[in-house]
Each structure stands twice: as structure tokens, then as C-alpha cells.
Amino acid sequence: QVQLVESGGGLAQAGESLRLSCAASGSAFSRNTMGWYRQAPGRQRELVATITSGGSTNYADSVKGRFTISRDSAKNTVYLRMNSLKPEDTAVYYCNARDPYGLGILNSWGQGTQVIVSS
């Protein structure tokens, strides 16, 4: 359906910032709802943020005010700017693409990128 490749993960100290990128294949990117999810060791995967084709965003309470999701249709790329990082943000971050009406026609995942935040 859609191939997603994440990048930008790495090691950061508490209070620092990172920007994750997700490159998507295909011109249909512009119609999809995009999202970032994360999974910490021993925990279930959780939603971090989503953005619709129209630019509407949604954030988990734990990251609201610190993280910003955005998209660049010309580059078929979605970003996650992570400011004021905390150790509890440590996780593998996954990019997700869904069809705009939630019909299950599209639901693709990237391979993930590791984020480690030290105190």
C-alpha cells in the first residue's frame, strides 16, 4: 500500500530536542492521515500524534505542548518535532499511514526508529 521509512532517532539528554522524519512512497500521501506511535520496553504501543490531510492534529496528553507533528506534501514526509524530552519518552517510534475515512483500506507502518533519552 504505502512504504514508510523513519529516521532521526538517536540519543538525547533530558530537555533536549530531536526531530523524527517519515518518508512515504506514492503520491497518495497527501490524502492520508499520518501518525506517530511509540513503544517503550515492556509496554504496549501507544499513540503519540496524528495529522490529517487538512492539517488537523491530535496529541497524547503526555506529549501535548512538547511535541509537534507536521507534514510536507511536496516531499511526501511527515515530521515529529520533540522538544523538552524526558526519560519516559524513550521508545521505538513508528510512523503510520491510514486512509482518510478510516475504512481500513490503508493501514501501513514503518520499521521504527529508536529514541533514548538520558537523565
PDB file of N, CA and C in Angstrom:
ATOM      1  N   GLN A   1       0.846  -1.205   0.000  1.00  0.00           N
ATOM      2  CA  GLN A   1       0.000   0.000   0.000  1.00  0.00           C
ATOM      3  C   GLN A   1       0.877   1.249   0.000  1.00  0.00           C
ATOM      4  N   VAL A   2       1.498   1.544   1.155  1.00  0.00           N
ATOM      5  CA  VAL A   2       2.404   2.671   1.290  1.00  0.00           C
ATOM      6  C   VAL A   2       3.621   2.209   2.083  1.00  0.00           C
ATOM      7  N   GLN A   3       4.800   2.528   1.580  1.00  0.00           N
ATOM      8  CA  GLN A   3       6.024   2.221   2.300  1.00  0.00           C
ATOM      9  C   GLN A   3       6.455   3.425   3.121  1.00  0.00           C
ATOM     10  N   LEU A   4       6.765   3.192   4.393  1.00  0.00           N
ATOM     11  CA  LEU A   4       7.148   4.252   5.312  1.00  0.00           C
ATOM     12  C   LEU A   4       8.523   3.963   5.886  1.00  0.00           C
ATOM     13  N   VAL A   5       9.387   4.970   5.890  1.00  0.00           N
ATOM     14  CA  VAL A   5      10.739   4.825   6.408  1.00  0.00           C
ATOM     15  C   VAL A   5      11.024   5.949   7.387  1.00  0.00           C
ATOM     16  N   GLU A   6      11.225   5.594   8.663  1.00  0.00           N
ATOM     17  CA  GLU A   6      11.509   6.580   9.695  1.00  0.00           C
ATOM     18  C   GLU A   6      13.007   6.835   9.809  1.00  0.00           C
ATOM     19  N   SER A   7      13.347   8.023  10.275  1.00  0.00           N
ATOM     20  CA  SER A   7      14.730   8.376  10.546  1.00  0.00           C
ATOM     21  C   SER A   7      14.762   9.501  11.574  1.00  0.00           C
ATOM     22  N   GLY A   8      15.935   9.773  12.108  1.00  0.00           N
ATOM     23  CA  GLY A   8      16.103  10.884  13.026  1.00  0.00           C
ATOM     24  C   GLY A   8      16.191  10.504  14.483  1.00  0.00           C
ATOM     25  N   GLY A   9      16.004   9.243  14.802  1.00  0.00           N
ATOM     26  CA  GLY A   9      16.119   8.810  16.177  1.00  0.00           C
ATOM     27  C   GLY A   9      17.561   8.823  16.639  1.00  0.00           C
ATOM     28  N   GLY A  10      17.747   8.679  17.935  1.00  0.00           N
ATOM     29  CA  GLY A  10      19.083   8.674  18.490  1.00  0.00           C
ATOM     30  C   GLY A  10      19.062   8.913  19.975  1.00  0.00           C
ATOM     31  N   LEU A  11      20.195   9.345  20.488  1.00  0.00           N
ATOM     32  CA  LEU A  11      20.372   9.583  21.915  1.00  0.00           C
ATOM     33  C   LEU A  11      20.295  11.071  22.211  1.00  0.00           C
ATOM     34  N   ALA A  12      19.532  11.419  23.224  1.00  0.00           N
ATOM     35  CA  ALA A  12      19.407  12.806  23.652  1.00  0.00           C
ATOM     36  C   ALA A  12      19.376  12.869  25.170  1.00  0.00           C
ATOM     37  N   GLN A  13      19.779  14.000  25.701  1.00  0.00           N
ATOM     38  CA  GLN A  13      19.669  14.236  27.138  1.00  0.00           C
ATOM     39  C   GLN A  13      18.326  14.869  27.455  1.00  0.00           C
ATOM     40  N   ALA A  14      17.867  14.677  28.670  1.00  0.00           N
ATOM     41  CA  ALA A  14      16.618  15.285  29.105  1.00  0.00           C
ATOM     42  C   ALA A  14      16.663  16.790  28.869  1.00  0.00           C
ATOM     43  N   GLY A  15      15.572  17.316  28.299  1.00  0.00           N
ATOM     44  CA  GLY A  15      15.491  18.729  27.998  1.00  0.00           C
ATOM     45  C   GLY A  15      15.900  19.089  26.583  1.00  0.00           C
ATOM     46  N   GLU A  16      16.573  18.188  25.898  1.00  0.00           N
ATOM     47  CA  GLU A  16      17.000  18.439  24.528  1.00  0.00           C
ATOM     48  C   GLU A  16      15.889  18.107  23.541  1.00  0.00           C
ATOM     49  N   SER A  17      16.168  18.304  22.251  1.00  0.00           N
ATOM     50  CA  SER A  17      15.176  18.104  21.208  1.00  0.00           C
ATOM     51  C   SER A  17      15.683  17.163  20.128  1.00  0.00           C
ATOM     52  N   LEU A  18      14.754  16.486  19.481  1.00  0.00           N
ATOM     53  CA  LEU A  18      15.011  15.667  18.312  1.00  0.00           C
ATOM     54  C   LEU A  18      13.881  15.885  17.314  1.00  0.00           C
ATOM     55  N   ARG A  19      14.175  15.680  16.036  1.00  0.00           N
ATOM     56  CA  ARG A  19      13.145  15.705  15.017  1.00  0.00           C
ATOM     57  C   ARG A  19      13.169  14.405  14.239  1.00  0.00           C
ATOM     58  N   LEU A  20      12.056  13.707  14.260  1.00  0.00           N
ATOM     59  CA  LEU A  20      11.907  12.476  13.513  1.00  0.00           C
ATOM     60  C   LEU A  20      11.283  12.767  12.153  1.00  0.00           C
ATOM     61  N   SER A  21      11.683  11.992  11.151  1.00  0.00           N
ATOM     62  CA  SER A  21      11.132  12.122   9.814  1.00  0.00           C
ATOM     63  C   SER A  21      10.581  10.787   9.355  1.00  0.00           C
ATOM     64  N   CYS A  22       9.541  10.830   8.557  1.00  0.00           N
ATOM     65  CA  CYS A  22       8.949   9.632   7.978  1.00  0.00           C
ATOM     66  C   CYS A  22       8.700   9.899   6.507  1.00  0.00           C
ATOM     67  N   ALA A  23       9.447   9.225   5.653  1.00  0.00           N
ATOM     68  CA  ALA A  23       9.301   9.364   4.215  1.00  0.00           C
ATOM     69  C   ALA A  23       8.336   8.310   3.696  1.00  0.00           C
ATOM     70  N   ALA A  24       7.326   8.745   2.962  1.00  0.00           N
ATOM     71  CA  ALA A  24       6.291   7.856   2.452  1.00  0.00           C
ATOM     72  C   ALA A  24       6.371   7.743   0.939  1.00  0.00           C
ATOM     73  N   SER A  25       6.086   6.565   0.435  1.00  0.00           N
ATOM     74  CA  SER A  25       6.056   6.342  -1.001  1.00  0.00           C
ATOM     75  C   SER A  25       4.683   6.662  -1.562  1.00  0.00           C
ATOM     76  N   GLY A  26       4.639   7.071  -2.820  1.00  0.00           N
ATOM     77  CA  GLY A  26       3.385   7.280  -3.506  1.00  0.00           C
ATOM     78  C   GLY A  26       2.806   8.669  -3.339  1.00  0.00           C
ATOM     79  N   SER A  27       2.117   9.123  -4.362  1.00  0.00           N
ATOM     80  CA  SER A  27       1.503  10.440  -4.336  1.00  0.00           C
ATOM     81  C   SER A  27       0.257  10.496  -3.458  1.00  0.00           C
ATOM     82  N   ALA A  28      -0.294   9.342  -3.073  1.00  0.00           N
ATOM     83  CA  ALA A  28      -1.476   9.290  -2.220  1.00  0.00           C
ATOM     84  C   ALA A  28      -1.208   9.773  -0.805  1.00  0.00           C
ATOM     85  N   PHE A  29       0.055  10.034  -0.485  1.00  0.00           N
ATOM     86  CA  PHE A  29       0.413  10.555   0.829  1.00  0.00           C
ATOM     87  C   PHE A  29      -0.440  11.753   1.217  1.00  0.00           C
ATOM     88  N   SER A  30      -0.711  12.624   0.270  1.00  0.00           N
ATOM     89  CA  SER A  30      -1.413  13.865   0.561  1.00  0.00           C
ATOM     90  C   SER A  30      -2.838  13.645   1.050  1.00  0.00           C
ATOM     91  N   ARG A  31      -3.422  12.485   0.797  1.00  0.00           N
ATOM     92  CA  ARG A  31      -4.793  12.197   1.207  1.00  0.00           C
ATOM     93  C   ARG A  31      -4.881  11.428   2.518  1.00  0.00           C
ATOM     94  N   ASN A  32      -3.774  10.929   2.999  1.00  0.00           N
ATOM     95  CA  ASN A  32      -3.775  10.037   4.153  1.00  0.00           C
ATOM     96  C   ASN A  32      -3.679  10.765   5.482  1.00  0.00           C
ATOM     97  N   THR A  33      -4.247  10.152   6.502  1.00  0.00           N
ATOM     98  CA  THR A  33      -3.987  10.561   7.867  1.00  0.00           C
ATOM     99  C   THR A  33      -2.680   9.909   8.303  1.00  0.00           C
ATOM    100  N   MET A  34      -1.763  10.708   8.809  1.00  0.00           N
ATOM    101  CA  MET A  34      -0.462  10.217   9.237  1.00  0.00           C
ATOM    102  C   MET A  34      -0.350  10.298  10.753  1.00  0.00           C
ATOM    103  N   GLY A  35       0.435   9.405  11.314  1.00  0.00           N
ATOM    104  CA  GLY A  35       0.583   9.405  12.756  1.00  0.00           C
ATOM    105  C   GLY A  35       1.921   8.885  13.219  1.00  0.00           C
ATOM    106  N   TRP A  36       2.241   9.227  14.450  1.00  0.00           N
ATOM    107  CA  TRP A  36       3.402   8.684  15.140  1.00  0.00           C
ATOM    108  C   TRP A  36       2.929   7.923  16.370  1.00  0.00           C
ATOM    109  N   TYR A  37       3.462   6.734  16.550  1.00  0.00           N
ATOM    110  CA  TYR A  37       3.208   5.904  17.708  1.00  0.00           C
ATOM    111  C   TYR A  37       4.541   5.518  18.320  1.00  0.00           C
ATOM    112  N   ARG A  38       4.514   5.069  19.557  1.00  0.00           N
ATOM    113  CA  ARG A  38       5.754   4.646  20.188  1.00  0.00           C
ATOM    114  C   ARG A  38       5.510   3.446  21.085  1.00  0.00           C
ATOM    115  N   GLN A  39       6.567   2.668  21.280  1.00  0.00           N
ATOM    116  CA  GLN A  39       6.504   1.510  22.147  1.00  0.00           C
ATOM    117  C   GLN A  39       7.768   1.455  22.993  1.00  0.00           C
ATOM    118  N   ALA A  40       7.588   1.585  24.293  1.00  0.00           N
ATOM    119  CA  ALA A  40       8.691   1.505  25.238  1.00  0.00           C
ATOM    120  C   ALA A  40       8.873   0.058  25.680  1.00  0.00           C
ATOM    121  N   PRO A  41      10.068  -0.296  26.158  1.00  0.00           N
ATOM    122  CA  PRO A  41      10.305  -1.662  26.621  1.00  0.00           C
ATOM    123  C   PRO A  41       9.289  -2.091  27.666  1.00  0.00           C
ATOM    124  N   GLY A  42       8.666  -3.245  27.459  1.00  0.00           N
ATOM    125  CA  GLY A  42       7.706  -3.769  28.404  1.00  0.00           C
ATOM    126  C   GLY A  42       6.345  -3.107  28.379  1.00  0.00           C
ATOM    127  N   ARG A  43       6.105  -2.213  27.436  1.00  0.00           N
ATOM    128  CA  ARG A  43       4.829  -1.503  27.355  1.00  0.00           C
ATOM    129  C   ARG A  43       4.202  -1.697  25.983  1.00  0.00           C
ATOM    130  N   GLN A  44       2.897  -1.437  25.898  1.00  0.00           N
ATOM    131  CA  GLN A  44       2.183  -1.545  24.633  1.00  0.00           C
ATOM    132  C   GLN A  44       2.418  -0.308  23.773  1.00  0.00           C
ATOM    133  N   ARG A  45       2.238  -0.480  22.481  1.00  0.00           N
ATOM    134  CA  ARG A  45       2.361   0.642  21.576  1.00  0.00           C
ATOM    135  C   ARG A  45       1.252   1.665  21.850  1.00  0.00           C
ATOM    136  N   GLU A  46       1.617   2.937  21.858  1.00  0.00           N
ATOM    137  CA  GLU A  46       0.668   3.991  22.155  1.00  0.00           C
ATOM    138  C   GLU A  46       0.740   5.106  21.122  1.00  0.00           C
ATOM    139  N   LEU A  47      -0.372   5.782  20.952  1.00  0.00           N
ATOM    140  CA  LEU A  47      -0.437   6.910  20.036  1.00  0.00           C
ATOM    141  C   LEU A  47       0.321   8.091  20.607  1.00  0.00           C
ATOM    142  N   VAL A  48       1.078   8.766  19.753  1.00  0.00           N
ATOM    143  CA  VAL A  48       1.781   9.985  20.122  1.00  0.00           C
ATOM    144  C   VAL A  48       1.092  11.198  19.508  1.00  0.00           C
ATOM    145  N   ALA A  49       0.888  11.172  18.188  1.00  0.00           N
ATOM    146  CA  ALA A  49       0.276  12.295  17.494  1.00  0.00           C
ATOM    147  C   ALA A  49      -0.225  11.850  16.132  1.00  0.00           C
ATOM    148  N   THR A  50      -1.254  12.528  15.633  1.00  0.00           N
ATOM    149  CA  THR A  50      -1.758  12.291  14.283  1.00  0.00           C
ATOM    150  C   THR A  50      -1.982  13.621  13.588  1.00  0.00           C
ATOM    151  N   ILE A  51      -1.991  13.574  12.264  1.00  0.00           N
ATOM    152  CA  ILE A  51      -2.284  14.756  11.463  1.00  0.00           C
ATOM    153  C   ILE A  51      -3.040  14.315  10.218  1.00  0.00           C
ATOM    154  N   THR A  52      -4.144  15.003   9.915  1.00  0.00           N
ATOM    155  CA  THR A  52      -4.951  14.684   8.747  1.00  0.00           C
ATOM    156  C   THR A  52      -4.416  15.405   7.530  1.00  0.00           C
ATOM    157  N   SER A  53      -4.976  15.076   6.371  1.00  0.00           N
ATOM    158  CA  SER A  53      -4.571  15.746   5.139  1.00  0.00           C
ATOM    159  C   SER A  53      -4.878  17.233   5.184  1.00  0.00           C
ATOM    160  N   GLY A  54      -5.870  17.622   5.973  1.00  0.00           N
ATOM    161  CA  GLY A  54      -6.224  19.019   6.122  1.00  0.00           C
ATOM    162  C   GLY A  54      -5.427  19.759   7.175  1.00  0.00           C
ATOM    163  N   GLY A  55      -4.563  19.047   7.893  1.00  0.00           N
ATOM    164  CA  GLY A  55      -3.705  19.680   8.876  1.00  0.00           C
ATOM    165  C   GLY A  55      -4.210  19.631  10.306  1.00  0.00           C
ATOM    166  N   SER A  56      -5.338  18.976  10.559  1.00  0.00           N
ATOM    167  CA  SER A  56      -5.825  18.839  11.928  1.00  0.00           C
ATOM    168  C   SER A  56      -4.936  17.880  12.699  1.00  0.00           C
ATOM    169  N   THR A  57      -4.584  18.241  13.922  1.00  0.00           N
ATOM    170  CA  THR A  57      -3.661  17.437  14.721  1.00  0.00           C
ATOM    171  C   THR A  57      -4.303  16.952  16.004  1.00  0.00           C
ATOM    172  N   ASN A  58      -3.750  15.872  16.521  1.00  0.00           N
ATOM    173  CA  ASN A  58      -4.179  15.299  17.783  1.00  0.00           C
ATOM    174  C   ASN A  58      -2.950  14.768  18.503  1.00  0.00           C
ATOM    175  N   TYR A  59      -2.870  15.013  19.824  1.00  0.00           N
ATOM    176  CA  TYR A  59      -1.708  14.618  20.596  1.00  0.00           C
ATOM    177  C   TYR A  59      -2.106  13.859  21.847  1.00  0.00           C
ATOM    178  N   ALA A  60      -1.255  12.929  22.229  1.00  0.00           N
ATOM    179  CA  ALA A  60      -1.403  12.300  23.524  1.00  0.00           C
ATOM    180  C   ALA A  60      -1.144  13.338  24.609  1.00  0.00           C
ATOM    181  N   ASP A  61      -1.842  13.207  25.728  1.00  0.00           N
ATOM    182  CA  ASP A  61      -1.677  14.167  26.811  1.00  0.00           C
ATOM    183  C   ASP A  61      -0.231  14.244  27.295  1.00  0.00           C
ATOM    184  N   SER A  62       0.474  13.141  27.243  1.00  0.00           N
ATOM    185  CA  SER A  62       1.832  13.088  27.754  1.00  0.00           C
ATOM    186  C   SER A  62       2.824  13.907  26.932  1.00  0.00           C
ATOM    187  N   VAL A  63       2.475  14.223  25.686  1.00  0.00           N
ATOM    188  CA  VAL A  63       3.391  14.963  24.823  1.00  0.00           C
ATOM    189  C   VAL A  63       2.841  16.318  24.412  1.00  0.00           C
ATOM    190  N   LYS A  64       1.608  16.607  24.755  1.00  0.00           N
ATOM    191  CA  LYS A  64       0.973  17.858  24.367  1.00  0.00           C
ATOM    192  C   LYS A  64       1.765  19.045  24.905  1.00  0.00           C
ATOM    193  N   GLY A  65       2.043  19.993  24.028  1.00  0.00           N
ATOM    194  CA  GLY A  65       2.827  21.154  24.401  1.00  0.00           C
ATOM    195  C   GLY A  65       4.311  20.982  24.221  1.00  0.00           C
ATOM    196  N   ARG A  66       4.774  19.755  24.019  1.00  0.00           N
ATOM    197  CA  ARG A  66       6.190  19.474  23.819  1.00  0.00           C
ATOM    198  C   ARG A  66       6.500  18.985  22.409  1.00  0.00           C
ATOM    199  N   PHE A  67       5.615  18.175  21.843  1.00  0.00           N
ATOM    200  CA  PHE A  67       5.821  17.593  20.519  1.00  0.00           C
ATOM    201  C   PHE A  67       4.948  18.296  19.490  1.00  0.00           C
ATOM    202  N   THR A  68       5.435  18.360  18.253  1.00  0.00           N
ATOM    203  CA  THR A  68       4.684  18.945  17.153  1.00  0.00           C
ATOM    204  C   THR A  68       4.774  18.040  15.934  1.00  0.00           C
ATOM    205  N   ILE A  69       3.624  17.636  15.404  1.00  0.00           N
ATOM    206  CA  ILE A  69       3.585  16.845  14.185  1.00  0.00           C
ATOM    207  C   ILE A  69       3.278  17.768  13.011  1.00  0.00           C
ATOM    208  N   SER A  70       3.927  17.533  11.888  1.00  0.00           N
ATOM    209  CA  SER A  70       3.708  18.329  10.692  1.00  0.00           C
ATOM    210  C   SER A  70       3.933  17.465   9.460  1.00  0.00           C
ATOM    211  N   ARG A  71       3.519  17.969   8.304  1.00  0.00           N
ATOM    212  CA  ARG A  71       3.708  17.213   7.077  1.00  0.00           C
ATOM    213  C   ARG A  71       4.065  18.141   5.933  1.00  0.00           C
ATOM    214  N   ASP A  72       4.837  17.609   4.997  1.00  0.00           N
ATOM    215  CA  ASP A  72       5.252  18.324   3.805  1.00  0.00           C
ATOM    216  C   ASP A  72       4.835  17.473   2.614  1.00  0.00           C
ATOM    217  N   SER A  73       3.736  17.847   1.972  1.00  0.00           N
ATOM    218  CA  SER A  73       3.193  17.053   0.879  1.00  0.00           C
ATOM    219  C   SER A  73       4.141  16.976  -0.311  1.00  0.00           C
ATOM    220  N   ALA A  74       4.874  18.049  -0.566  1.00  0.00           N
ATOM    221  CA  ALA A  74       5.798  18.075  -1.689  1.00  0.00           C
ATOM    222  C   ALA A  74       6.902  17.042  -1.528  1.00  0.00           C
ATOM    223  N   LYS A  75       7.265  16.743  -0.292  1.00  0.00           N
ATOM    224  CA  LYS A  75       8.321  15.776  -0.006  1.00  0.00           C
ATOM    225  C   LYS A  75       7.781  14.418   0.433  1.00  0.00           C
ATOM    226  N   ASN A  76       6.458  14.282   0.502  1.00  0.00           N
ATOM    227  CA  ASN A  76       5.840  13.047   0.995  1.00  0.00           C
ATOM    228  C   ASN A  76       6.429  12.638   2.345  1.00  0.00           C
ATOM    229  N   THR A  77       6.543  13.600   3.236  1.00  0.00           N
ATOM    230  CA  THR A  77       7.208  13.379   4.510  1.00  0.00           C
ATOM    231  C   THR A  77       6.395  13.955   5.662  1.00  0.00           C
ATOM    232  N   VAL A  78       6.352  13.219   6.764  1.00  0.00           N
ATOM    233  CA  VAL A  78       5.742  13.698   7.995  1.00  0.00           C
ATOM    234  C   VAL A  78       6.835  13.785   9.055  1.00  0.00           C
ATOM    235  N   TYR A  79       6.740  14.789   9.915  1.00  0.00           N
ATOM    236  CA  TYR A  79       7.756  15.039  10.918  1.00  0.00           C
ATOM    237  C   TYR A  79       7.162  15.002  12.321  1.00  0.00           C
ATOM    238  N   LEU A  80       8.020  14.726  13.279  1.00  0.00           N
ATOM    239  CA  LEU A  80       7.666  14.847  14.682  1.00  0.00           C
ATOM    240  C   LEU A  80       8.796  15.592  15.382  1.00  0.00           C
ATOM    241  N   ARG A  81       8.548  16.841  15.731  1.00  0.00           N
ATOM    242  CA  ARG A  81       9.497  17.631  16.482  1.00  0.00           C
ATOM    243  C   ARG A  81       9.263  17.385  17.962  1.00  0.00           C
ATOM    244  N   MET A  82      10.276  16.914  18.651  1.00  0.00           N
ATOM    245  CA  MET A  82      10.166  16.561  20.051  1.00  0.00           C
ATOM    246  C   MET A  82      11.043  17.496  20.872  1.00  0.00           C
ATOM    247  N   ASN A  83      10.416  18.371  21.628  1.00  0.00           N
ATOM    248  CA  ASN A  83      11.124  19.293  22.499  1.00  0.00           C
ATOM    249  C   ASN A  83      10.991  18.860  23.952  1.00  0.00           C
ATOM    250  N   SER A  84      11.867  19.393  24.782  1.00  0.00           N
ATOM    251  CA  SER A  84      11.825  19.121  26.223  1.00  0.00           C
ATOM    252  C   SER A  84      11.710  17.632  26.511  1.00  0.00           C
ATOM    253  N   LEU A  85      12.560  16.860  25.902  1.00  0.00           N
ATOM    254  CA  LEU A  85      12.497  15.413  26.037  1.00  0.00           C
ATOM    255  C   LEU A  85      12.691  14.969  27.478  1.00  0.00           C
ATOM    256  N   LYS A  86      11.978  13.912  27.816  1.00  0.00           N
ATOM    257  CA  LYS A  86      12.045  13.316  29.145  1.00  0.00           C
ATOM    258  C   LYS A  86      12.485  11.866  29.021  1.00  0.00           C
ATOM    259  N   PRO A  87      13.082  11.305  30.066  1.00  0.00           N
ATOM    260  CA  PRO A  87      13.468   9.891  30.011  1.00  0.00           C
ATOM    261  C   PRO A  87      12.306   8.967  29.651  1.00  0.00           C
ATOM    262  N   GLU A  88      11.096   9.299  30.071  1.00  0.00           N
ATOM    263  CA  GLU A  88       9.946   8.473  29.760  1.00  0.00           C
ATOM    264  C   GLU A  88       9.537   8.524  28.288  1.00  0.00           C
ATOM    265  N   ASP A  89      10.162   9.401  27.501  1.00  0.00           N
ATOM    266  CA  ASP A  89       9.945   9.420  26.061  1.00  0.00           C
ATOM    267  C   ASP A  89      10.759   8.345  25.351  1.00  0.00           C
ATOM    268  N   THR A  90      11.637   7.687  26.067  1.00  0.00           N
ATOM    269  CA  THR A  90      12.441   6.618  25.489  1.00  0.00           C
ATOM    270  C   THR A  90      11.544   5.515  24.941  1.00  0.00           C
ATOM    271  N   ALA A  91      11.702   5.212  23.654  1.00  0.00           N
ATOM    272  CA  ALA A  91      10.858   4.218  22.990  1.00  0.00           C
ATOM    273  C   ALA A  91      11.305   4.067  21.547  1.00  0.00           C
ATOM    274  N   VAL A  92      10.765   3.055  20.889  1.00  0.00           N
ATOM    275  CA  VAL A  92      10.863   2.965  19.449  1.00  0.00           C
ATOM    276  C   VAL A  92       9.660   3.698  18.868  1.00  0.00           C
ATOM    277  N   TYR A  93       9.910   4.635  17.977  1.00  0.00           N
ATOM    278  CA  TYR A  93       8.857   5.448  17.387  1.00  0.00           C
ATOM    279  C   TYR A  93       8.528   4.948  15.989  1.00  0.00           C
ATOM    280  N   TYR A  94       7.232   4.755  15.730  1.00  0.00           N
ATOM    281  CA  TYR A  94       6.760   4.200  14.467  1.00  0.00           C
ATOM    282  C   TYR A  94       5.884   5.194  13.728  1.00  0.00           C
ATOM    283  N   CYS A  95       6.073   5.276  12.434  1.00  0.00           N
ATOM    284  CA  CYS A  95       5.236   6.086  11.566  1.00  0.00           C
ATOM    285  C   CYS A  95       4.070   5.244  11.058  1.00  0.00           C
ATOM    286  N   ASN A  96       2.910   5.875  10.909  1.00  0.00           N
ATOM    287  CA  ASN A  96       1.706   5.177  10.475  1.00  0.00           C
ATOM    288  C   ASN A  96       0.955   5.991   9.433  1.00  0.00           C
ATOM    289  N   ALA A  97       0.383   5.302   8.457  1.00  0.00           N
ATOM    290  CA  ALA A  97      -0.464   5.929   7.448  1.00  0.00           C
ATOM    291  C   ALA A  97      -1.795   5.202   7.393  1.00  0.00           C
ATOM    292  N   ARG A  98      -2.884   5.964   7.420  1.00  0.00           N
ATOM    293  CA  ARG A  98      -4.229   5.405   7.352  1.00  0.00           C
ATOM    294  C   ARG A  98      -5.044   6.136   6.292  1.00  0.00           C
ATOM    295  N   ASP A  99      -6.026   5.411   5.714  1.00  0.00           N
ATOM    296  CA  ASP A  99      -6.907   6.040   4.745  1.00  0.00           C
ATOM    297  C   ASP A  99      -7.710   7.131   5.439  1.00  0.00           C
ATOM    298  N   PRO A 100      -8.042   8.191   4.711  1.00  0.00           N
ATOM    299  CA  PRO A 100      -8.639   9.372   5.350  1.00  0.00           C
ATOM    300  C   PRO A 100      -9.996   9.136   5.997  1.00  0.00           C
ATOM    301  N   TYR A 101     -10.754   8.120   5.565  1.00  0.00           N
ATOM    302  CA  TYR A 101     -12.079   7.873   6.122  1.00  0.00           C
ATOM    303  C   TYR A 101     -12.107   6.727   7.127  1.00  0.00           C
ATOM    304  N   GLY A 102     -10.966   6.161   7.425  1.00  0.00           N
ATOM    305  CA  GLY A 102     -10.884   5.105   8.414  1.00  0.00           C
ATOM    306  C   GLY A 102     -11.610   3.829   8.029  1.00  0.00           C
ATOM    307  N   LEU A 103     -11.639   3.506   6.761  1.00  0.00           N
ATOM    308  CA  LEU A 103     -12.339   2.317   6.275  1.00  0.00           C
ATOM    309  C   LEU A 103     -11.474   1.061   6.309  1.00  0.00           C
ATOM    310  N   GLY A 104     -10.211   1.199   6.668  1.00  0.00           N
ATOM    311  CA  GLY A 104      -9.322   0.059   6.694  1.00  0.00           C
ATOM    312  C   GLY A 104      -8.701  -0.267   5.356  1.00  0.00           C
ATOM    313  N   ILE A 105      -8.886   0.599   4.395  1.00  0.00           N
ATOM    314  CA  ILE A 105      -8.303   0.389   3.073  1.00  0.00           C
ATOM    315  C   ILE A 105      -6.783   0.495   3.146  1.00  0.00           C
ATOM    316  N   LEU A 106      -6.311   1.379   4.019  1.00  0.00           N
ATOM    317  CA  LEU A 106      -4.885   1.584   4.194  1.00  0.00           C
ATOM    318  C   LEU A 106      -4.543   1.631   5.674  1.00  0.00           C
ATOM    319  N   ASN A 107      -3.537   0.891   6.064  1.00  0.00           N
ATOM    320  CA  ASN A 107      -3.007   0.929   7.420  1.00  0.00           C
ATOM    321  C   ASN A 107      -1.582   0.393   7.367  1.00  0.00           C
ATOM    322  N   SER A 108      -0.636   1.286   7.148  1.00  0.00           N
ATOM    323  CA  SER A 108       0.760   0.908   6.947  1.00  0.00           C
ATOM    324  C   SER A 108       1.638   1.426   8.078  1.00  0.00           C
ATOM    325  N   TRP A 109       2.690   0.675   8.361  1.00  0.00           N
ATOM    326  CA  TRP A 109       3.627   1.007   9.429  1.00  0.00           C
ATOM    327  C   TRP A 109       5.056   1.015   8.917  1.00  0.00           C
ATOM    328  N   GLY A 110       5.862   1.906   9.477  1.00  0.00           N
ATOM    329  CA  GLY A 110       7.279   1.906   9.208  1.00  0.00           C
ATOM    330  C   GLY A 110       7.998   0.920  10.103  1.00  0.00           C
ATOM    331  N   GLN A 111       9.311   0.845   9.952  1.00  0.00           N
ATOM    332  CA  GLN A 111      10.100  -0.123  10.711  1.00  0.00           C
ATOM    333  C   GLN A 111      10.465   0.363  12.105  1.00  0.00           C
ATOM    334  N   GLY A 112      10.308   1.644  12.358  1.00  0.00           N
ATOM    335  CA  GLY A 112      10.594   2.209  13.661  1.00  0.00           C
ATOM    336  C   GLY A 112      11.970   2.829  13.750  1.00  0.00           C
ATOM    337  N   THR A 113      12.103   3.817  14.622  1.00  0.00           N
ATOM    338  CA  THR A 113      13.388   4.440  14.904  1.00  0.00           C
ATOM    339  C   THR A 113      13.515   4.626  16.414  1.00  0.00           C
ATOM    340  N   GLN A 114      14.675   4.284  16.953  1.00  0.00           N
ATOM    341  CA  GLN A 114      14.885   4.273  18.398  1.00  0.00           C
ATOM    342  C   GLN A 114      15.205   5.663  18.922  1.00  0.00           C
ATOM    343  N   VAL A 115      14.539   6.036  20.003  1.00  0.00           N
ATOM    344  CA  VAL A 115      14.829   7.273  20.723  1.00  0.00           C
ATOM    345  C   VAL A 115      15.169   6.912  22.161  1.00  0.00           C
ATOM    346  N   ILE A 116      16.328   7.353  22.626  1.00  0.00           N
ATOM    347  CA  ILE A 116      16.756   7.119  24.003  1.00  0.00           C
ATOM    348  C   ILE A 116      17.049   8.463  24.650  1.00  0.00           C
ATOM    349  N   VAL A 117      16.399   8.731  25.763  1.00  0.00           N
ATOM    350  CA  VAL A 117      16.573   9.985  26.480  1.00  0.00           C
ATOM    351  C   VAL A 117      17.180   9.682  27.839  1.00  0.00           C
ATOM    352  N   SER A 118      18.332  10.248  28.103  1.00  0.00           N
ATOM    353  CA  SER A 118      19.016  10.038  29.365  1.00  0.00           C
ATOM    354  C   SER A 118      18.759  11.201  30.312  1.00  0.00           C
ATOM    355  N   SER A 119      18.800  10.922  31.597  1.00  0.00           N
ATOM    356  CA  SER A 119      18.561  11.944  32.600  1.00  0.00           C
ATOM    357  C   SER A 119      19.834  12.682  32.943  1.00  0.00           C
TER     358      SER A 119
END
